[in-house]
N, C-alpha and C. Protein backbone atom coordinates (compact mmCIF):
# COMPACT_ATOMS: atom_id res chain seq x y z
N MET A 1 2.42 -10.64 -13.78
CA MET A 1 1.39 -10.72 -12.76
C MET A 1 1.99 -11.13 -11.41
N ILE A 2 2.87 -12.10 -11.41
CA ILE A 2 3.51 -12.53 -10.17
C ILE A 2 4.39 -11.41 -9.62
N GLY A 3 5.06 -10.70 -10.51
CA GLY A 3 5.88 -9.56 -10.09
C GLY A 3 5.04 -8.47 -9.45
N PHE A 4 3.84 -8.25 -9.97
CA PHE A 4 2.93 -7.26 -9.42
C PHE A 4 2.50 -7.66 -8.00
N ILE A 5 2.25 -8.94 -7.79
CA ILE A 5 1.86 -9.44 -6.47
C ILE A 5 3.02 -9.32 -5.49
N VAL A 6 4.22 -9.69 -5.93
CA VAL A 6 5.39 -9.58 -5.07
C VAL A 6 5.66 -8.12 -4.71
N ALA A 7 5.55 -7.22 -5.70
CA ALA A 7 5.75 -5.80 -5.43
C ALA A 7 4.71 -5.29 -4.44
N GLY A 8 3.46 -5.73 -4.57
CA GLY A 8 2.42 -5.33 -3.63
C GLY A 8 2.71 -5.81 -2.22
N LEU A 9 3.22 -7.01 -2.10
CA LEU A 9 3.56 -7.55 -0.79
C LEU A 9 4.73 -6.79 -0.17
N VAL A 10 5.73 -6.47 -0.98
CA VAL A 10 6.89 -5.72 -0.49
C VAL A 10 6.45 -4.31 -0.06
N ILE A 11 5.64 -3.66 -0.89
CA ILE A 11 5.17 -2.31 -0.56
C ILE A 11 4.30 -2.34 0.69
N GLY A 12 3.43 -3.32 0.81
CA GLY A 12 2.60 -3.45 2.00
C GLY A 12 3.43 -3.71 3.25
N ALA A 13 4.45 -4.56 3.14
CA ALA A 13 5.32 -4.84 4.29
C ALA A 13 6.11 -3.60 4.70
N LEU A 14 6.64 -2.86 3.72
CA LEU A 14 7.35 -1.63 4.03
C LEU A 14 6.42 -0.61 4.69
N ALA A 15 5.21 -0.52 4.20
CA ALA A 15 4.25 0.42 4.78
C ALA A 15 3.94 0.05 6.23
N ARG A 16 3.83 -1.24 6.51
CA ARG A 16 3.58 -1.66 7.89
C ARG A 16 4.77 -1.39 8.79
N LEU A 17 5.98 -1.48 8.24
CA LEU A 17 7.18 -1.16 9.02
C LEU A 17 7.27 0.34 9.31
N ILE A 18 6.85 1.14 8.34
CA ILE A 18 6.93 2.60 8.50
C ILE A 18 5.87 3.12 9.45
N LYS A 19 4.66 2.57 9.36
CA LYS A 19 3.56 3.05 10.20
C LYS A 19 3.82 2.63 11.64
N PRO A 20 3.80 3.60 12.56
CA PRO A 20 4.08 3.25 13.96
C PRO A 20 2.93 2.47 14.59
N GLY A 21 3.27 1.71 15.59
CA GLY A 21 2.27 0.93 16.32
C GLY A 21 2.08 -0.45 15.72
N LYS A 22 1.28 -1.24 16.42
CA LYS A 22 1.00 -2.61 15.98
C LYS A 22 -0.27 -2.60 15.13
N GLN A 23 -0.18 -3.18 13.96
CA GLN A 23 -1.34 -3.29 13.09
C GLN A 23 -1.92 -4.69 13.20
N HIS A 24 -3.21 -4.77 13.24
CA HIS A 24 -3.90 -6.06 13.31
C HIS A 24 -4.44 -6.41 11.93
N LEU A 25 -3.53 -6.62 10.99
CA LEU A 25 -3.90 -6.95 9.62
C LEU A 25 -3.29 -8.29 9.23
N SER A 26 -4.02 -9.05 8.46
CA SER A 26 -3.52 -10.34 7.99
C SER A 26 -2.55 -10.13 6.83
N LEU A 27 -1.93 -11.20 6.42
CA LEU A 27 -1.02 -11.16 5.28
C LEU A 27 -1.77 -10.79 4.01
N ILE A 28 -2.97 -11.30 3.86
CA ILE A 28 -3.79 -10.99 2.68
C ILE A 28 -4.16 -9.50 2.67
N ALA A 29 -4.53 -8.95 3.84
CA ALA A 29 -4.86 -7.53 3.92
C ALA A 29 -3.64 -6.68 3.59
N THR A 30 -2.48 -7.09 4.07
CA THR A 30 -1.24 -6.37 3.75
C THR A 30 -0.98 -6.42 2.26
N LEU A 31 -1.17 -7.57 1.65
CA LEU A 31 -0.96 -7.72 0.21
C LEU A 31 -1.93 -6.83 -0.56
N LEU A 32 -3.20 -6.86 -0.20
CA LEU A 32 -4.21 -6.07 -0.92
C LEU A 32 -3.96 -4.57 -0.77
N LEU A 33 -3.60 -4.13 0.43
CA LEU A 33 -3.31 -2.71 0.63
C LEU A 33 -2.03 -2.31 -0.09
N GLY A 34 -1.05 -3.21 -0.14
CA GLY A 34 0.17 -2.94 -0.91
C GLY A 34 -0.11 -2.87 -2.40
N LEU A 35 -0.97 -3.75 -2.90
CA LEU A 35 -1.36 -3.70 -4.32
C LEU A 35 -2.10 -2.40 -4.64
N ALA A 36 -3.01 -2.02 -3.75
CA ALA A 36 -3.74 -0.76 -3.97
C ALA A 36 -2.78 0.42 -3.94
N GLY A 37 -1.84 0.40 -3.01
CA GLY A 37 -0.84 1.47 -2.95
C GLY A 37 0.04 1.51 -4.18
N SER A 38 0.39 0.34 -4.71
CA SER A 38 1.23 0.31 -5.90
C SER A 38 0.48 0.81 -7.13
N VAL A 39 -0.82 0.54 -7.21
CA VAL A 39 -1.61 1.06 -8.32
C VAL A 39 -1.72 2.59 -8.21
N ILE A 40 -1.98 3.09 -7.00
CA ILE A 40 -2.06 4.53 -6.80
C ILE A 40 -0.72 5.19 -7.13
N GLY A 41 0.37 4.60 -6.66
CA GLY A 41 1.70 5.13 -6.97
C GLY A 41 1.99 5.12 -8.45
N GLY A 42 1.60 4.05 -9.14
CA GLY A 42 1.81 3.97 -10.58
C GLY A 42 1.00 5.00 -11.35
N VAL A 43 -0.24 5.21 -10.91
CA VAL A 43 -1.09 6.20 -11.57
C VAL A 43 -0.53 7.61 -11.38
N ILE A 44 -0.11 7.93 -10.17
CA ILE A 44 0.45 9.27 -9.91
C ILE A 44 1.76 9.46 -10.66
N ALA A 45 2.63 8.46 -10.66
CA ALA A 45 3.89 8.57 -11.39
C ALA A 45 3.65 8.69 -12.88
N SER A 46 2.66 7.97 -13.38
CA SER A 46 2.32 8.06 -14.80
C SER A 46 1.76 9.44 -15.14
N ALA A 47 0.94 9.99 -14.23
CA ALA A 47 0.39 11.33 -14.45
C ALA A 47 1.48 12.39 -14.46
N LEU A 48 2.54 12.15 -13.70
CA LEU A 48 3.66 13.09 -13.67
C LEU A 48 4.62 12.88 -14.83
N GLY A 49 4.38 11.84 -15.63
CA GLY A 49 5.18 11.59 -16.82
C GLY A 49 6.49 10.87 -16.58
N THR A 50 6.59 10.12 -15.48
CA THR A 50 7.84 9.41 -15.20
C THR A 50 7.85 7.99 -15.72
N GLY A 51 6.77 7.51 -16.29
CA GLY A 51 6.74 6.15 -16.83
C GLY A 51 5.34 5.61 -16.89
N ASP A 52 5.24 4.35 -17.24
CA ASP A 52 3.97 3.65 -17.34
C ASP A 52 3.47 3.27 -15.96
N ILE A 53 2.17 2.98 -15.86
CA ILE A 53 1.57 2.62 -14.56
C ILE A 53 2.24 1.39 -13.96
N PHE A 54 2.51 0.38 -14.77
CA PHE A 54 3.07 -0.87 -14.27
C PHE A 54 4.59 -0.93 -14.37
N GLU A 55 5.21 0.19 -14.63
CA GLU A 55 6.67 0.26 -14.72
C GLU A 55 7.23 0.59 -13.35
N LEU A 56 8.27 -0.11 -12.95
CA LEU A 56 8.88 0.12 -11.65
C LEU A 56 9.85 1.29 -11.77
N ASN A 57 9.56 2.37 -11.04
CA ASN A 57 10.48 3.50 -10.98
C ASN A 57 10.49 4.05 -9.57
N VAL A 58 11.46 4.90 -9.28
CA VAL A 58 11.68 5.36 -7.92
C VAL A 58 10.50 6.20 -7.41
N LEU A 59 10.05 7.15 -8.21
CA LEU A 59 8.95 8.01 -7.78
C LEU A 59 7.68 7.20 -7.54
N GLY A 60 7.36 6.30 -8.44
CA GLY A 60 6.18 5.46 -8.27
C GLY A 60 6.27 4.60 -7.03
N PHE A 61 7.46 4.08 -6.74
CA PHE A 61 7.66 3.24 -5.56
C PHE A 61 7.46 4.05 -4.29
N ILE A 62 8.03 5.25 -4.25
CA ILE A 62 7.90 6.10 -3.06
C ILE A 62 6.44 6.49 -2.83
N VAL A 63 5.77 6.90 -3.89
CA VAL A 63 4.36 7.27 -3.77
C VAL A 63 3.53 6.05 -3.39
N ALA A 64 3.87 4.88 -3.90
CA ALA A 64 3.14 3.65 -3.57
C ALA A 64 3.27 3.33 -2.09
N VAL A 65 4.45 3.47 -1.53
CA VAL A 65 4.64 3.19 -0.10
C VAL A 65 3.87 4.20 0.74
N ILE A 66 3.91 5.48 0.36
CA ILE A 66 3.17 6.50 1.10
C ILE A 66 1.67 6.21 1.03
N ALA A 67 1.18 5.87 -0.15
CA ALA A 67 -0.24 5.56 -0.30
C ALA A 67 -0.62 4.33 0.52
N ALA A 68 0.24 3.33 0.55
CA ALA A 68 -0.04 2.12 1.34
C ALA A 68 -0.06 2.43 2.84
N VAL A 69 0.83 3.31 3.30
CA VAL A 69 0.83 3.70 4.71
C VAL A 69 -0.50 4.38 5.06
N LEU A 70 -0.95 5.27 4.18
CA LEU A 70 -2.23 5.93 4.41
C LEU A 70 -3.40 4.93 4.38
N LEU A 71 -3.36 3.99 3.44
CA LEU A 71 -4.42 2.98 3.36
C LEU A 71 -4.44 2.08 4.59
N ILE A 72 -3.26 1.74 5.11
CA ILE A 72 -3.19 0.93 6.33
C ILE A 72 -3.79 1.70 7.50
N GLY A 73 -3.51 3.00 7.57
CA GLY A 73 -4.10 3.82 8.61
C GLY A 73 -5.62 3.84 8.53
N VAL A 74 -6.14 3.98 7.32
CA VAL A 74 -7.59 3.97 7.13
C VAL A 74 -8.16 2.60 7.51
N ALA A 75 -7.51 1.53 7.08
CA ALA A 75 -7.99 0.18 7.39
C ALA A 75 -7.97 -0.07 8.90
N GLU A 76 -6.94 0.40 9.58
CA GLU A 76 -6.86 0.21 11.02
C GLU A 76 -7.95 1.00 11.74
N SER A 77 -8.22 2.21 11.27
CA SER A 77 -9.26 3.00 11.93
C SER A 77 -10.64 2.38 11.71
N LEU A 78 -10.88 1.85 10.53
CA LEU A 78 -12.16 1.17 10.26
C LEU A 78 -12.27 -0.11 11.07
N ALA A 79 -11.19 -0.85 11.18
CA ALA A 79 -11.22 -2.09 11.95
C ALA A 79 -11.40 -1.80 13.44
N GLY A 80 -10.76 -0.73 13.92
CA GLY A 80 -10.91 -0.35 15.32
C GLY A 80 -12.31 0.10 15.64
N ARG A 81 -12.93 0.80 14.71
CA ARG A 81 -14.30 1.25 14.91
C ARG A 81 -15.26 0.06 14.94
N ASN A 82 -15.00 -0.94 14.09
CA ASN A 82 -15.85 -2.13 14.07
C ASN A 82 -15.71 -2.93 15.36
N ARG A 83 -14.49 -2.98 15.91
CA ARG A 83 -14.28 -3.70 17.17
C ARG A 83 -14.95 -2.97 18.33
N ALA A 84 -14.98 -1.64 18.27
CA ALA A 84 -15.59 -0.87 19.37
C ALA A 84 -17.10 -1.00 19.38
N VAL A 85 -17.70 -1.23 18.21
CA VAL A 85 -19.15 -1.36 18.10
C VAL A 85 -19.62 -2.68 18.71
N ARG A 86 -18.84 -3.71 18.57
CA ARG A 86 -19.23 -5.04 19.05
C ARG A 86 -19.29 -5.11 20.50
C-alpha cells in the first residue's frame, strides 16, 4: 500500500514535470492524479497482457505517466473554469 502511494506520487510528479506551464495543484491533488494515472496504466498494461494491475512494469509506468499528464490537464482546465466563474 505504501509502495502504491509512493508510485502515485512519483508518477504525479513526473506528469507535472512533463506537462508544460505552471500547474496550480496541491501535493494531495498531485498524489491523487498520480494514483489515478497508475491505476489506468496498470489496467491498460494488464489488458495488453504485460502483467498484473499492481505489478510495476515499463509499459504500465509509461501509460501511467501519460494518463496522469492527461488527468492533470483536465484538472487544470476544470480549475481554471471554476476560477473564471467566480
